[in-house]
Amino acid sequence: MKQLKYRSVFDIIGPIMVGPSSSHTAGAARIGKVVRRIFGEQPETVDIYLYESFAKTYRGHGTDVALVGGLLGMEPDDPRLADSLKIAHGLGIEVCFVPKKEKAEHPNMVQLKVSKGDHKLTVTGLSIGGGNIQISEVNGFKLSLSLGTPTYIVVQKDMPGVIAKVTNLFYEANVNIGTMTVTRESKGEKAIMIIETDERKEGFVEKIRQMDHIYSASYFG
């Protein structure tokens, strides 16, 4: 008889959350929160494109309120999650949900397009079960970001030397970079670094935030 192995009890019972489905609620909230942390500020407009299962049941399973709650920085178990659409409206955030009929790479796929003035970001996320998520695209760049390994997402000004200074911090701390993706809005504007490392380093993200020309830095691990 094959023995099943679980990393934690949450692999069996799922995460603590508000809502009926870990994939449609907890996973959706986490996708929204990741997008907010990458964007680095409260957006003015949000366009949410839902695919397959998400498109069919996003209202009934609370995917809509979960995604918006995540964008507002809420956790899946935040009691305010059910009121996230009202809260977003009160903050002046325009939210548009667009169910799509096209086939997608995963049955629980969503693409979020957020903007504030000239600052724009497009992220595609997958809710893969049990509240776990993957980020498959950022600003048109394909990637496979599970956030299960130490991951740093840095938004910086696109100018010479910034990437070198950030990666030198990792070198000085003896932290090995496994993968690194860089994308930008346009020359001289905001750029995004996504860095996955082999080691966890507590408090390291604060050093990145204190550097010149860094708009925001987030750590997932």
C-alpha atoms as a PDB file:
ATOM      1  CA  MET A   1       0.000   0.000   0.000  1.00  0.00           C
ATOM      2  CA  LYS A   2       1.426   3.352  -1.038  1.00  0.00           C
ATOM      3  CA  GLN A   3       1.842   5.826   1.790  1.00  0.00           C
ATOM      4  CA  LEU A   4       0.615   9.342   1.118  1.00  0.00           C
ATOM      5  CA  LYS A   5       2.853  12.162   2.239  1.00  0.00           C
ATOM      6  CA  TYR A   6       1.729  15.638   3.166  1.00  0.00           C
ATOM      7  CA  ARG A   7       3.868  18.643   3.990  1.00  0.00           C
ATOM      8  CA  SER A   8       1.352  19.981   6.481  1.00  0.00           C
ATOM      9  CA  VAL A   9      -2.188  19.481   7.775  1.00  0.00           C
ATOM     10  CA  PHE A  10      -3.291  22.248   5.388  1.00  0.00           C
ATOM     11  CA  ASP A  11      -2.558  19.937   2.448  1.00  0.00           C
ATOM     12  CA  ILE A  12      -5.431  17.776   3.781  1.00  0.00           C
ATOM     13  CA  ILE A  13      -8.013  20.181   5.188  1.00  0.00           C
ATOM     14  CA  GLY A  14      -7.054  23.315   3.292  1.00  0.00           C
ATOM     15  CA  PRO A  15      -6.317  26.815   4.608  1.00  0.00           C
ATOM     16  CA  ILE A  16      -8.322  28.865   7.107  1.00  0.00           C
ATOM     17  CA  MET A  17     -10.426  31.185   4.989  1.00  0.00           C
ATOM     18  CA  VAL A  18     -13.687  33.024   4.416  1.00  0.00           C
ATOM     19  CA  GLY A  19     -15.675  31.333   1.643  1.00  0.00           C
ATOM     20  CA  PRO A  20     -16.695  27.884   0.362  1.00  0.00           C
ATOM     21  CA  SER A  21     -13.714  26.823  -1.767  1.00  0.00           C
ATOM     22  CA  SER A  22      -9.960  26.892  -1.180  1.00  0.00           C
ATOM     23  CA  SER A  23      -9.263  27.137  -4.919  1.00  0.00           C
ATOM     24  CA  HIS A  24     -11.920  29.749  -5.656  1.00  0.00           C
ATOM     25  CA  THR A  25     -11.578  31.813  -2.481  1.00  0.00           C
ATOM     26  CA  ALA A  26      -8.281  31.342  -0.637  1.00  0.00           C
ATOM     27  CA  GLY A  27      -6.254  30.895  -3.816  1.00  0.00           C
ATOM     28  CA  ALA A  28      -7.968  33.867  -5.444  1.00  0.00           C
ATOM     29  CA  ALA A  29      -7.270  36.091  -2.430  1.00  0.00           C
ATOM     30  CA  ARG A  30      -3.604  35.119  -2.524  1.00  0.00           C
ATOM     31  CA  ILE A  31      -3.359  35.896  -6.230  1.00  0.00           C
ATOM     32  CA  GLY A  32      -4.879  39.324  -5.591  1.00  0.00           C
ATOM     33  CA  LYS A  33      -2.470  39.999  -2.741  1.00  0.00           C
ATOM     34  CA  VAL A  34       0.566  39.002  -4.813  1.00  0.00           C
ATOM     35  CA  VAL A  35      -0.562  41.370  -7.573  1.00  0.00           C
ATOM     36  CA  ARG A  36      -0.944  44.194  -5.043  1.00  0.00           C
ATOM     37  CA  ARG A  37       2.548  43.572  -3.652  1.00  0.00           C
ATOM     38  CA  ILE A  38       4.085  43.499  -7.127  1.00  0.00           C
ATOM     39  CA  PHE A  39       2.205  46.675  -8.103  1.00  0.00           C
ATOM     40  CA  GLY A  40       3.361  48.365  -4.918  1.00  0.00           C
ATOM     41  CA  GLU A  41       0.430  50.739  -4.442  1.00  0.00           C
ATOM     42  CA  GLN A  42      -3.350  50.930  -4.468  1.00  0.00           C
ATOM     43  CA  PRO A  43      -4.625  50.805  -8.058  1.00  0.00           C
ATOM     44  CA  GLU A  44      -7.226  53.136  -9.495  1.00  0.00           C
ATOM     45  CA  THR A  45      -8.661  50.677 -12.021  1.00  0.00           C
ATOM     46  CA  VAL A  46      -8.783  46.881 -12.021  1.00  0.00           C
ATOM     47  CA  ASP A  47      -9.852  44.703 -14.948  1.00  0.00           C
ATOM     48  CA  ILE A  48     -10.254  41.030 -13.999  1.00  0.00           C
ATOM     49  CA  TYR A  49     -10.488  38.403 -16.760  1.00  0.00           C
ATOM     50  CA  LEU A  50     -11.776  35.039 -15.497  1.00  0.00           C
ATOM     51  CA  TYR A  51     -11.406  31.742 -17.344  1.00  0.00           C
ATOM     52  CA  GLU A  52     -13.147  28.349 -17.321  1.00  0.00           C
ATOM     53  CA  SER A  53     -14.243  27.352 -13.784  1.00  0.00           C
ATOM     54  CA  PHE A  54     -13.513  30.829 -12.439  1.00  0.00           C
ATOM     55  CA  ALA A  55     -15.645  32.363 -15.195  1.00  0.00           C
ATOM     56  CA  LYS A  56     -18.606  30.069 -14.450  1.00  0.00           C
ATOM     57  CA  THR A  57     -18.734  30.311 -10.657  1.00  0.00           C
ATOM     58  CA  TYR A  58     -16.841  33.437  -9.616  1.00  0.00           C
ATOM     59  CA  ARG A  59     -19.877  35.065  -7.978  1.00  0.00           C
ATOM     60  CA  GLY A  60     -21.269  32.001  -6.232  1.00  0.00           C
ATOM     61  CA  HIS A  61     -17.902  30.843  -4.861  1.00  0.00           C
ATOM     62  CA  GLY A  62     -16.722  34.270  -3.765  1.00  0.00           C
ATOM     63  CA  THR A  63     -13.857  34.489  -6.246  1.00  0.00           C
ATOM     64  CA  ASP A  64     -14.798  38.089  -7.042  1.00  0.00           C
ATOM     65  CA  VAL A  65     -14.658  39.334  -3.451  1.00  0.00           C
ATOM     66  CA  ALA A  66     -11.533  37.255  -2.784  1.00  0.00           C
ATOM     67  CA  LEU A  67      -9.565  38.701  -5.696  1.00  0.00           C
ATOM     68  CA  VAL A  68     -10.502  42.263  -4.775  1.00  0.00           C
ATOM     69  CA  GLY A  69      -9.857  41.603  -1.087  1.00  0.00           C
ATOM     70  CA  GLY A  70      -6.392  40.354  -1.948  1.00  0.00           C
ATOM     71  CA  LEU A  71      -5.772  43.485  -4.016  1.00  0.00           C
ATOM     72  CA  LEU A  72      -6.686  45.471  -0.905  1.00  0.00           C
ATOM     73  CA  GLY A  73      -4.085  43.511   1.075  1.00  0.00           C
ATOM     74  CA  MET A  74      -6.465  41.133   2.871  1.00  0.00           C
ATOM     75  CA  GLU A  75      -5.646  37.557   3.868  1.00  0.00           C
ATOM     76  CA  PRO A  76      -8.002  34.675   2.933  1.00  0.00           C
ATOM     77  CA  ASP A  77      -9.381  34.563   6.498  1.00  0.00           C
ATOM     78  CA  ASP A  78      -9.971  38.322   6.801  1.00  0.00           C
ATOM     79  CA  PRO A  79     -13.588  38.899   7.961  1.00  0.00           C
ATOM     80  CA  ARG A  80     -13.750  42.005   5.742  1.00  0.00           C
ATOM     81  CA  LEU A  81     -13.320  39.878   2.617  1.00  0.00           C
ATOM     82  CA  ALA A  82     -17.061  39.576   1.987  1.00  0.00           C
ATOM     83  CA  ASP A  83     -17.320  43.392   1.843  1.00  0.00           C
ATOM     84  CA  SER A  84     -14.243  43.928  -0.330  1.00  0.00           C
ATOM     85  CA  LEU A  85     -16.217  45.168  -3.363  1.00  0.00           C
ATOM     86  CA  LYS A  86     -17.953  47.818  -1.249  1.00  0.00           C
ATOM     87  CA  ILE A  87     -14.646  48.783   0.366  1.00  0.00           C
ATOM     88  CA  ALA A  88     -12.958  49.105  -3.039  1.00  0.00           C
ATOM     89  CA  HIS A  89     -15.840  51.259  -4.311  1.00  0.00           C
ATOM     90  CA  GLY A  90     -15.535  53.477  -1.241  1.00  0.00           C
ATOM     91  CA  LEU A  91     -11.836  53.937  -2.003  1.00  0.00           C
ATOM     92  CA  GLY A  92     -12.633  55.028  -5.544  1.00  0.00           C
ATOM     93  CA  ILE A  93     -11.256  51.875  -7.195  1.00  0.00           C
ATOM     94  CA  GLU A  94     -13.020  50.945 -10.433  1.00  0.00           C
ATOM     95  CA  VAL A  95     -13.353  47.153 -10.771  1.00  0.00           C
ATOM     96  CA  CYS A  96     -14.545  45.331 -13.887  1.00  0.00           C
ATOM     97  CA  PHE A  97     -15.084  41.541 -14.098  1.00  0.00           C
ATOM     98  CA  VAL A  98     -14.893  39.953 -17.547  1.00  0.00           C
ATOM     99  CA  PRO A  99     -15.797  36.225 -17.806  1.00  0.00           C
ATOM    100  CA  LYS A 100     -14.046  34.690 -20.843  1.00  0.00           C
ATOM    101  CA  LYS A 101     -15.171  31.724 -22.950  1.00  0.00           C
ATOM    102  CA  GLU A 102     -11.714  30.761 -24.255  1.00  0.00           C
ATOM    103  CA  LYS A 103      -9.903  27.676 -23.052  1.00  0.00           C
ATOM    104  CA  ALA A 104      -7.090  28.365 -20.607  1.00  0.00           C
ATOM    105  CA  GLU A 105      -3.917  26.668 -19.397  1.00  0.00           C
ATOM    106  CA  HIS A 106      -5.676  25.864 -16.099  1.00  0.00           C
ATOM    107  CA  PRO A 107      -9.381  25.663 -15.107  1.00  0.00           C
ATOM    108  CA  ASN A 108      -8.869  28.215 -12.322  1.00  0.00           C
ATOM    109  CA  MET A 109      -7.078  30.974 -14.226  1.00  0.00           C
ATOM    110  CA  VAL A 110      -7.407  34.723 -13.871  1.00  0.00           C
ATOM    111  CA  GLN A 111      -5.655  37.676 -15.455  1.00  0.00           C
ATOM    112  CA  LEU A 112      -5.576  40.969 -13.569  1.00  0.00           C
ATOM    113  CA  LYS A 113      -4.803  44.280 -15.242  1.00  0.00           C
ATOM    114  CA  VAL A 114      -4.259  47.031 -12.670  1.00  0.00           C
ATOM    115  CA  SER A 115      -3.357  50.639 -13.258  1.00  0.00           C
ATOM    116  CA  LYS A 116      -2.845  53.983 -11.592  1.00  0.00           C
ATOM    117  CA  GLY A 117      -2.099  56.795 -14.004  1.00  0.00           C
ATOM    118  CA  ASP A 118       0.719  55.639 -16.272  1.00  0.00           C
ATOM    119  CA  HIS A 119       1.661  52.807 -13.881  1.00  0.00           C
ATOM    120  CA  LYS A 120       0.238  49.582 -15.311  1.00  0.00           C
ATOM    121  CA  LEU A 121       0.682  45.896 -14.516  1.00  0.00           C
ATOM    122  CA  THR A 122      -0.731  42.687 -16.001  1.00  0.00           C
ATOM    123  CA  VAL A 123      -0.438  39.415 -14.061  1.00  0.00           C
ATOM    124  CA  THR A 124      -1.862  35.972 -14.817  1.00  0.00           C
ATOM    125  CA  GLY A 125      -2.426  33.675 -11.841  1.00  0.00           C
ATOM    126  CA  LEU A 126      -3.536  30.078 -11.360  1.00  0.00           C
ATOM    127  CA  SER A 127      -5.258  28.666  -8.281  1.00  0.00           C
ATOM    128  CA  ILE A 128      -3.974  25.089  -8.219  1.00  0.00           C
ATOM    129  CA  GLY A 129      -5.818  23.701  -5.195  1.00  0.00           C
ATOM    130  CA  GLY A 130      -5.724  23.873  -1.420  1.00  0.00           C
ATOM    131  CA  GLY A 131      -5.211  27.625  -1.537  1.00  0.00           C
ATOM    132  CA  ASN A 132      -1.919  27.226  -3.430  1.00  0.00           C
ATOM    133  CA  ILE A 133      -1.207  29.451  -6.422  1.00  0.00           C
ATOM    134  CA  GLN A 134       1.145  29.951  -9.338  1.00  0.00           C
ATOM    135  CA  ILE A 135       1.973  33.102 -11.260  1.00  0.00           C
ATOM    136  CA  SER A 136       2.366  32.218 -14.945  1.00  0.00           C
ATOM    137  CA  GLU A 137       2.812  35.627 -16.573  1.00  0.00           C
ATOM    138  CA  VAL A 138       3.888  39.157 -15.631  1.00  0.00           C
ATOM    139  CA  ASN A 139       3.570  41.938 -18.213  1.00  0.00           C
ATOM    140  CA  GLY A 140       3.546  39.434 -21.042  1.00  0.00           C
ATOM    141  CA  PHE A 141       6.587  37.500 -19.813  1.00  0.00           C
ATOM    142  CA  LYS A 142       5.927  33.797 -19.324  1.00  0.00           C
ATOM    143  CA  LEU A 143       7.228  32.296 -16.086  1.00  0.00           C
ATOM    144  CA  SER A 144       6.377  29.642 -13.529  1.00  0.00           C
ATOM    145  CA  LEU A 145       6.371  31.202 -10.102  1.00  0.00           C
ATOM    146  CA  SER A 146       4.936  28.969  -7.372  1.00  0.00           C
ATOM    147  CA  LEU A 147       6.126  31.103  -4.434  1.00  0.00           C
ATOM    148  CA  GLY A 148       7.068  27.829  -2.766  1.00  0.00           C
ATOM    149  CA  THR A 149      10.758  28.780  -2.855  1.00  0.00           C
ATOM    150  CA  PRO A 150      12.274  31.984  -1.462  1.00  0.00           C
ATOM    151  CA  THR A 151      11.185  34.661  -3.935  1.00  0.00           C
ATOM    152  CA  TYR A 152      11.902  38.385  -4.100  1.00  0.00           C
ATOM    153  CA  ILE A 153       9.834  40.707  -6.284  1.00  0.00           C
ATOM    154  CA  VAL A 154      11.436  44.110  -6.712  1.00  0.00           C
ATOM    155  CA  VAL A 155       9.961  47.115  -8.523  1.00  0.00           C
ATOM    156  CA  GLN A 156      12.646  49.649  -9.419  1.00  0.00           C
ATOM    157  CA  LYS A 157      13.380  52.538 -11.746  1.00  0.00           C
ATOM    158  CA  ASP A 158      14.693  51.312 -15.082  1.00  0.00           C
ATOM    159  CA  MET A 159      18.184  52.780 -15.151  1.00  0.00           C
ATOM    160  CA  PRO A 160      21.773  51.509 -15.393  1.00  0.00           C
ATOM    161  CA  GLY A 161      23.281  49.915 -12.289  1.00  0.00           C
ATOM    162  CA  VAL A 162      20.148  49.149 -10.251  1.00  0.00           C
ATOM    163  CA  ILE A 163      20.054  45.445 -11.112  1.00  0.00           C
ATOM    164  CA  ALA A 164      23.787  45.129 -10.451  1.00  0.00           C
ATOM    165  CA  LYS A 165      23.468  46.746  -7.024  1.00  0.00           C
ATOM    166  CA  VAL A 166      20.575  44.452  -6.028  1.00  0.00           C
ATOM    167  CA  THR A 167      22.312  41.270  -7.180  1.00  0.00           C
ATOM    168  CA  ASN A 168      25.506  42.402  -5.429  1.00  0.00           C
ATOM    169  CA  LEU A 169      23.552  42.443  -2.158  1.00  0.00           C
ATOM    170  CA  PHE A 170      22.773  38.764  -2.680  1.00  0.00           C
ATOM    171  CA  TYR A 171      26.451  38.093  -3.426  1.00  0.00           C
ATOM    172  CA  GLU A 172      27.604  39.861  -0.256  1.00  0.00           C
ATOM    173  CA  ALA A 173      25.068  37.898   1.810  1.00  0.00           C
ATOM    174  CA  ASN A 174      26.192  34.603   0.215  1.00  0.00           C
ATOM    175  CA  VAL A 175      22.696  33.989  -1.145  1.00  0.00           C
ATOM    176  CA  ASN A 176      22.630  32.064  -4.427  1.00  0.00           C
ATOM    177  CA  ILE A 177      20.188  33.188  -7.137  1.00  0.00           C
ATOM    178  CA  GLY A 178      18.434  30.236  -8.781  1.00  0.00           C
ATOM    179  CA  THR A 179      16.359  32.079 -11.385  1.00  0.00           C
ATOM    180  CA  MET A 180      15.872  35.733 -12.260  1.00  0.00           C
ATOM    181  CA  THR A 181      13.402  37.472 -14.570  1.00  0.00           C
ATOM    182  CA  VAL A 182      13.451  41.176 -15.464  1.00  0.00           C
ATOM    183  CA  THR A 183      10.693  43.061 -17.284  1.00  0.00           C
ATOM    184  CA  ARG A 184       9.883  46.757 -17.660  1.00  0.00           C
ATOM    185  CA  GLU A 185       7.015  49.008 -18.687  1.00  0.00           C
ATOM    186  CA  SER A 186       9.190  51.038 -21.062  1.00  0.00           C
ATOM    187  CA  LYS A 187      12.705  52.468 -21.173  1.00  0.00           C
ATOM    188  CA  GLY A 188      13.408  54.653 -18.156  1.00  0.00           C
ATOM    189  CA  GLU A 189      10.129  53.808 -16.403  1.00  0.00           C
ATOM    190  CA  LYS A 190       9.361  51.119 -13.814  1.00  0.00           C
ATOM    191  CA  ALA A 191      10.946  47.676 -14.103  1.00  0.00           C
ATOM    192  CA  ILE A 192      10.284  44.447 -12.190  1.00  0.00           C
ATOM    193  CA  MET A 193      12.831  41.909 -10.978  1.00  0.00           C
ATOM    194  CA  ILE A 194      11.619  38.464  -9.893  1.00  0.00           C
ATOM    195  CA  ILE A 195      14.397  36.595  -8.102  1.00  0.00           C
ATOM    196  CA  GLU A 196      14.196  33.037  -6.735  1.00  0.00           C
ATOM    197  CA  THR A 197      16.972  32.005  -4.361  1.00  0.00           C
ATOM    198  CA  ASP A 198      18.290  28.791  -2.846  1.00  0.00           C
ATOM    199  CA  GLU A 199      18.482  30.192   0.684  1.00  0.00           C
ATOM    200  CA  ARG A 200      16.099  32.039   2.972  1.00  0.00           C
ATOM    201  CA  LYS A 201      17.442  35.242   4.479  1.00  0.00           C
ATOM    202  CA  GLU A 202      15.363  36.908   7.198  1.00  0.00           C
ATOM    203  CA  GLY A 203      15.139  40.682   6.957  1.00  0.00           C
ATOM    204  CA  PHE A 204      17.080  40.781   3.705  1.00  0.00           C
ATOM    205  CA  VAL A 205      14.230  42.444   1.821  1.00  0.00           C
ATOM    206  CA  GLU A 206      14.549  45.513   4.074  1.00  0.00           C
ATOM    207  CA  LYS A 207      18.063  46.141   2.705  1.00  0.00           C
ATOM    208  CA  ILE A 208      16.659  46.113  -0.819  1.00  0.00           C
ATOM    209  CA  ARG A 209      13.895  48.573   0.111  1.00  0.00           C
ATOM    210  CA  GLN A 210      16.452  51.032   1.471  1.00  0.00           C
ATOM    211  CA  MET A 211      18.395  51.187  -1.799  1.00  0.00           C
ATOM    212  CA  ASP A 212      18.132  54.146  -4.155  1.00  0.00           C
ATOM    213  CA  HIS A 213      15.671  53.916  -7.060  1.00  0.00           C
ATOM    214  CA  ILE A 214      13.681  51.059  -5.458  1.00  0.00           C
ATOM    215  CA  TYR A 215       9.892  51.611  -5.425  1.00  0.00           C
ATOM    216  CA  SER A 216       8.962  48.428  -3.563  1.00  0.00           C
ATOM    217  CA  ALA A 217      10.353  45.027  -2.584  1.00  0.00           C
ATOM    218  CA  SER A 218       8.353  41.996  -1.458  1.00  0.00           C
ATOM    219  CA  TYR A 219       9.450  38.608  -0.146  1.00  0.00           C
ATOM    220  CA  PHE A 220       7.565  35.338  -0.461  1.00  0.00           C
ATOM    221  CA  GLY A 221       8.964  32.239   1.153  1.00  0.00           C
END
